Amino acid sequence: MNIKKAYVDTSGGQIHFAHKNGIGIPIVCFHQTASSCRSYYPLMDNEVIQNSMYAFDTPGFGNSFDPDGMPKFEQYAEWLIEAIHALGIKKCHLLGHHTGAAICVEFAASYSKEVESMILIGPFPLSESEREEFRPHFSTPIEPNKDGSYLIKTWEYLTELGADKDLKNHHDELLDHVRAYYSRYQTYSAVWDYDFTAQYKSSSCPTLLMAAPDDVLYPYLERSKILKPDAELIEISGANYELALDSQNVCLEINRFLGTSK
């Protein structure tokens, strides 16, 4: 694995990221809640993708700083965009998974000249009422307790989402979620307040849409295509952990798309 890790300063604090060298326009990656940049290692370690790649820990996750209060979603995106600018990246492809897809959308809508294309795994153009339906299940923190039962509760929560299809992935996700038990609450609260649909519709770059049929956001994949008819739509596998459980196919589709979007 030829992945290097480092930190970059932003106005909020230090953001941790992983990087692999490559050629051409870099791919900038944003993870789902409550994973970390580690979820992109299977892609970064795959020789199919020749581009350089940067995968960031969203504030509150992995090894990035923990934000105070209840930041708005746009603030999370701006911290990550600050990190990208601080690294001197002037043009990039965006790759985002679930919450990370919304980071891509915010970036593409706000800094369109810097975005060559975006790849969204599990996009979610939800109505306000649909966002409120998601809020209770995905925003309630699973807090530490003295008997440690929160660890089993987190493990079972991940099982429901399909993480158990691979033991290493299940274990890695447990560690990420336990570290980010409060950040999960902060970020999901911001996500359900965010109008993904409006920013998604205003973005204009070439777009690839992907999700597995057993991904919780799969029901909104076709809607994403309808809202952006020029986007490509590809069905993959891996439940809510496509990056780990269908990494080879994801890499092949990304490589194919980037070859046609340049």
Protein backbone atom coordinates (compact mmCIF):
# COMPACT_ATOMS: atom_id res chain seq x y z
CA MET A 1 0.00 0.00 0.00
CA ASN A 2 1.65 3.22 -1.17
CA ILE A 3 -0.57 5.63 0.73
CA LYS A 4 0.87 8.64 2.55
CA LYS A 5 -0.92 10.52 5.32
CA ALA A 6 -0.61 14.10 6.50
CA TYR A 7 -2.43 17.08 7.98
CA VAL A 8 -3.42 20.44 6.53
CA ASP A 9 -4.39 23.56 8.48
CA THR A 10 -7.81 25.18 8.06
CA SER A 11 -9.64 27.98 9.86
CA GLY A 12 -11.37 25.36 12.02
CA GLY A 13 -8.38 23.17 12.84
CA GLN A 14 -6.22 20.47 11.33
CA ILE A 15 -7.72 18.15 8.73
CA HIS A 16 -6.18 14.73 8.22
CA PHE A 17 -5.95 13.20 4.77
CA ALA A 18 -4.49 10.26 2.87
CA HIS A 19 -2.81 10.64 -0.51
CA LYS A 20 -1.44 8.49 -3.29
CA ASN A 21 0.60 9.75 -6.22
CA GLY A 22 -0.65 9.40 -9.76
CA ILE A 23 -1.08 11.16 -13.07
CA GLY A 24 -3.55 13.64 -14.49
CA ILE A 25 -6.21 15.59 -12.62
CA PRO A 26 -6.44 14.38 -9.00
CA ILE A 27 -9.50 12.69 -7.52
CA VAL A 28 -10.60 14.26 -4.23
CA CYS A 29 -12.60 11.90 -1.99
CA PHE A 30 -15.10 12.46 0.83
CA HIS A 31 -16.41 9.64 3.05
CA GLN A 32 -19.83 8.78 4.43
CA THR A 33 -20.90 9.34 8.04
CA ALA A 34 -19.44 7.96 10.30
CA SER A 35 -16.58 6.39 8.37
CA SER A 36 -13.21 8.00 7.65
CA CYS A 37 -10.77 8.41 4.79
CA ARG A 38 -9.76 4.81 5.51
CA SER A 39 -12.84 3.71 3.57
CA TYR A 40 -11.07 4.88 0.40
CA TYR A 41 -7.96 2.76 0.94
CA PRO A 42 -9.27 -0.14 -1.22
CA LEU A 43 -9.59 2.28 -4.14
CA MET A 44 -6.29 4.03 -3.46
CA ASP A 45 -4.50 0.70 -3.27
CA ASN A 46 -5.97 -0.49 -6.57
CA GLU A 47 -3.80 -0.06 -9.66
CA VAL A 48 -6.82 0.41 -11.94
CA ILE A 49 -7.11 4.10 -11.02
CA GLN A 50 -4.01 5.91 -12.26
CA ASN A 51 -4.95 9.40 -11.06
CA SER A 52 -3.50 10.82 -7.88
CA MET A 53 -6.03 10.62 -5.05
CA TYR A 54 -6.69 12.62 -1.88
CA ALA A 55 -9.11 11.27 0.74
CA PHE A 56 -10.03 13.58 3.62
CA ASP A 57 -11.34 12.94 7.11
CA THR A 58 -14.34 15.21 7.54
CA PRO A 59 -14.03 17.32 10.73
CA GLY A 60 -15.19 15.17 13.63
CA PHE A 61 -14.11 11.90 12.00
CA GLY A 62 -10.93 9.88 11.69
CA ASN A 63 -8.01 12.04 12.77
CA SER A 64 -9.41 15.46 11.87
CA PHE A 65 -10.27 18.10 14.46
CA ASP A 66 -13.56 17.96 16.38
CA PRO A 67 -15.78 20.98 15.70
CA ASP A 68 -17.62 22.77 18.50
CA GLY A 69 -21.36 23.32 18.59
CA MET A 70 -23.59 22.33 15.69
CA PRO A 71 -21.96 23.47 12.44
CA LYS A 72 -24.10 23.88 9.35
CA PHE A 73 -23.42 21.52 6.48
CA GLU A 74 -22.01 24.33 4.37
CA GLN A 75 -19.39 24.91 7.08
CA TYR A 76 -18.22 21.29 6.92
CA ALA A 77 -17.88 21.64 3.16
CA GLU A 78 -16.01 24.94 3.45
CA TRP A 79 -13.44 23.48 5.86
CA LEU A 80 -12.75 20.67 3.40
CA ILE A 81 -12.55 23.08 0.48
CA GLU A 82 -10.07 25.17 2.50
CA ALA A 83 -7.96 22.03 2.89
CA ILE A 84 -8.04 21.37 -0.85
CA HIS A 85 -7.03 24.94 -1.62
CA ALA A 86 -4.25 24.83 0.99
CA LEU A 87 -2.78 21.82 -0.83
CA GLY A 88 -2.65 23.83 -4.04
CA ILE A 89 -5.23 21.71 -5.87
CA LYS A 90 -6.73 23.96 -8.53
CA LYS A 91 -8.70 21.41 -10.58
CA CYS A 92 -10.07 18.05 -9.49
CA HIS A 93 -12.54 15.23 -9.95
CA LEU A 94 -14.82 14.81 -6.93
CA LEU A 95 -15.76 11.43 -5.43
CA GLY A 96 -18.23 11.26 -2.57
CA HIS A 97 -20.08 8.52 -0.70
CA HIS A 98 -23.41 9.39 1.01
CA THR A 99 -22.57 12.48 3.13
CA GLY A 100 -19.47 12.78 0.97
CA ALA A 101 -21.71 13.02 -2.09
CA ALA A 102 -23.30 16.13 -0.57
CA ILE A 103 -19.83 17.62 0.00
CA CYS A 104 -19.18 17.08 -3.71
CA VAL A 105 -22.45 18.75 -4.65
CA GLU A 106 -21.76 21.77 -2.46
CA PHE A 107 -18.23 22.07 -3.86
CA ALA A 108 -19.38 21.69 -7.49
CA ALA A 109 -22.16 24.25 -7.08
CA SER A 110 -19.98 26.81 -5.29
CA TYR A 111 -16.66 26.36 -7.13
CA SER A 112 -17.74 25.09 -10.53
CA LYS A 113 -14.58 26.21 -12.36
CA GLU A 114 -12.45 23.99 -10.12
CA VAL A 115 -14.46 20.80 -10.68
CA GLU A 116 -13.83 18.61 -13.72
CA SER A 117 -16.45 15.97 -12.83
CA MET A 118 -18.10 14.32 -9.85
CA ILE A 119 -18.83 10.73 -8.91
CA LEU A 120 -21.62 10.27 -6.37
CA ILE A 121 -22.14 6.96 -4.57
CA GLY A 122 -25.52 7.11 -2.87
CA PRO A 123 -26.76 10.59 -3.81
CA PHE A 124 -29.84 11.72 -1.90
CA PRO A 125 -32.08 14.35 -3.55
CA LEU A 126 -34.65 14.16 -0.76
CA SER A 127 -37.64 16.36 -0.07
CA GLU A 128 -37.79 18.15 3.27
CA SER A 129 -40.30 15.61 4.61
CA GLU A 130 -38.10 12.71 3.50
CA ARG A 131 -35.11 14.24 5.28
CA GLU A 132 -37.17 14.41 8.45
CA GLU A 133 -38.01 10.71 8.10
CA PHE A 134 -34.30 9.86 8.05
CA ARG A 135 -33.41 12.15 10.96
CA PRO A 136 -34.46 10.01 13.98
CA HIS A 137 -32.75 6.81 12.83
CA PHE A 138 -29.45 8.30 11.71
CA SER A 139 -29.06 11.28 14.06
CA THR A 140 -29.46 9.65 17.48
CA PRO A 141 -26.00 9.23 19.08
CA ILE A 142 -24.95 5.82 20.41
CA GLU A 143 -23.13 7.10 23.48
CA PRO A 144 -20.51 5.31 25.60
CA ASN A 145 -21.84 3.62 28.74
CA LYS A 146 -20.24 1.85 31.70
CA ASP A 147 -21.14 -1.70 30.71
CA GLY A 148 -19.84 -1.24 27.17
CA SER A 149 -23.12 -2.31 25.61
CA TYR A 150 -22.87 0.67 23.25
CA LEU A 151 -20.17 -1.29 21.42
CA ILE A 152 -22.59 -4.14 20.70
CA LYS A 153 -25.31 -1.64 19.77
CA THR A 154 -22.94 0.03 17.30
CA TRP A 155 -21.85 -3.37 15.92
CA GLU A 156 -25.51 -4.32 15.38
CA TYR A 157 -26.30 -0.94 13.80
CA LEU A 158 -23.50 -1.58 11.30
CA THR A 159 -24.79 -5.10 10.68
CA GLU A 160 -28.15 -3.64 9.68
CA LEU A 161 -26.34 -1.47 7.11
CA GLY A 162 -24.46 -4.43 5.61
CA ALA A 163 -21.00 -3.90 7.09
CA ASP A 164 -20.95 -7.54 8.23
CA LYS A 165 -20.48 -8.85 4.70
CA ASP A 166 -16.74 -8.56 5.39
CA LEU A 167 -15.33 -8.93 8.92
CA LYS A 168 -12.43 -6.50 8.47
CA ASN A 169 -14.76 -3.87 7.07
CA HIS A 170 -17.17 -4.44 9.97
CA HIS A 171 -14.34 -4.04 12.49
CA ASP A 172 -12.90 -0.94 10.80
CA GLU A 173 -16.32 0.68 10.66
CA LEU A 174 -16.89 -0.08 14.35
CA LEU A 175 -13.69 1.76 15.26
CA ASP A 176 -14.61 4.73 13.07
CA HIS A 177 -18.13 4.94 14.48
CA VAL A 178 -17.07 4.62 18.13
CA ARG A 179 -14.52 7.39 17.66
CA ALA A 180 -17.15 9.61 16.02
CA TYR A 181 -20.18 8.79 18.19
CA TYR A 182 -20.93 12.48 18.86
CA SER A 183 -19.71 13.78 15.49
CA ARG A 184 -22.17 11.39 13.87
CA TYR A 185 -24.98 13.25 15.64
CA GLN A 186 -23.54 16.67 14.71
CA THR A 187 -23.03 15.85 11.05
CA TYR A 188 -26.27 13.99 10.42
CA SER A 189 -28.14 16.89 12.03
CA ALA A 190 -26.48 19.18 9.48
CA VAL A 191 -27.12 16.76 6.61
CA TRP A 192 -30.87 16.58 7.21
CA ASP A 193 -31.03 20.37 7.30
CA TYR A 194 -29.17 20.64 3.98
CA ASP A 195 -30.99 21.06 0.66
CA PHE A 196 -28.99 18.57 -1.40
CA THR A 197 -31.47 18.75 -4.27
CA ALA A 198 -31.12 22.49 -4.93
CA GLN A 199 -27.32 22.41 -5.08
CA TYR A 200 -27.31 19.17 -7.06
CA LYS A 201 -29.58 20.70 -9.71
CA SER A 202 -27.38 23.80 -9.95
CA SER A 203 -24.17 21.82 -10.57
CA SER A 204 -23.15 21.47 -14.21
CA CYS A 205 -20.14 19.13 -14.39
CA PRO A 206 -20.22 15.60 -15.88
CA THR A 207 -21.64 13.27 -13.24
CA LEU A 208 -21.55 9.54 -12.51
CA LEU A 209 -24.20 8.14 -10.14
CA MET A 210 -23.74 4.79 -8.39
CA ALA A 211 -25.31 2.76 -5.58
CA ALA A 212 -26.00 -0.83 -4.59
CA PRO A 213 -29.61 -2.11 -4.53
CA ASP A 214 -29.33 -2.72 -0.77
CA ASP A 215 -27.92 0.74 -0.08
CA VAL A 216 -30.37 2.77 2.04
CA LEU A 217 -30.12 5.56 -0.54
CA TYR A 218 -30.65 3.36 -3.59
CA PRO A 219 -34.35 4.34 -3.86
CA TYR A 220 -33.18 7.87 -4.76
CA LEU A 221 -30.69 6.87 -7.45
CA GLU A 222 -33.17 7.00 -10.32
CA ARG A 223 -34.51 10.32 -9.03
CA SER A 224 -30.95 11.67 -9.20
CA LYS A 225 -30.80 10.62 -12.84
CA ILE A 226 -34.15 12.25 -13.63
CA LEU A 227 -32.98 15.53 -12.09
CA LYS A 228 -29.77 15.37 -14.13
CA PRO A 229 -30.59 13.52 -17.38
CA ASP A 230 -27.04 13.80 -18.72
CA ALA A 231 -25.62 11.94 -15.71
CA GLU A 232 -24.52 8.32 -16.06
CA LEU A 233 -26.16 5.77 -13.74
CA ILE A 234 -24.44 2.52 -12.76
CA GLU A 235 -25.70 -0.13 -10.34
CA ILE A 236 -22.99 -1.67 -8.17
CA SER A 237 -23.03 -3.97 -5.11
CA GLY A 238 -21.94 -3.84 -1.47
CA ALA A 239 -24.91 -2.52 0.51
CA ASN A 240 -23.83 0.75 2.18
CA TYR A 241 -20.15 -0.16 1.93
CA GLU A 242 -19.61 -0.29 -1.82
CA LEU A 243 -16.07 1.09 -1.54
CA ALA A 244 -14.97 -1.93 0.49
CA LEU A 245 -17.28 -4.66 -0.77
CA ASP A 246 -17.28 -3.90 -4.50
CA SER A 247 -14.02 -1.98 -4.79
CA GLN A 248 -12.81 -3.57 -8.02
CA ASN A 249 -16.00 -2.78 -9.89
CA VAL A 250 -16.12 0.73 -8.44
CA CYS A 251 -12.55 1.33 -9.62
CA LEU A 252 -13.32 0.05 -13.10
CA GLU A 253 -16.39 2.27 -13.43
CA ILE A 254 -14.51 5.32 -12.16
CA ASN A 255 -11.64 4.69 -14.56
CA ARG A 256 -14.04 4.26 -17.47
CA PHE A 257 -15.97 7.42 -16.56
CA LEU A 258 -12.86 9.55 -16.15
CA GLY A 259 -11.67 8.38 -19.53
CA THR A 260 -14.85 9.71 -21.13
CA SER A 261 -15.25 12.86 -19.02
CA LYS A 262 -11.86 14.42 -19.79
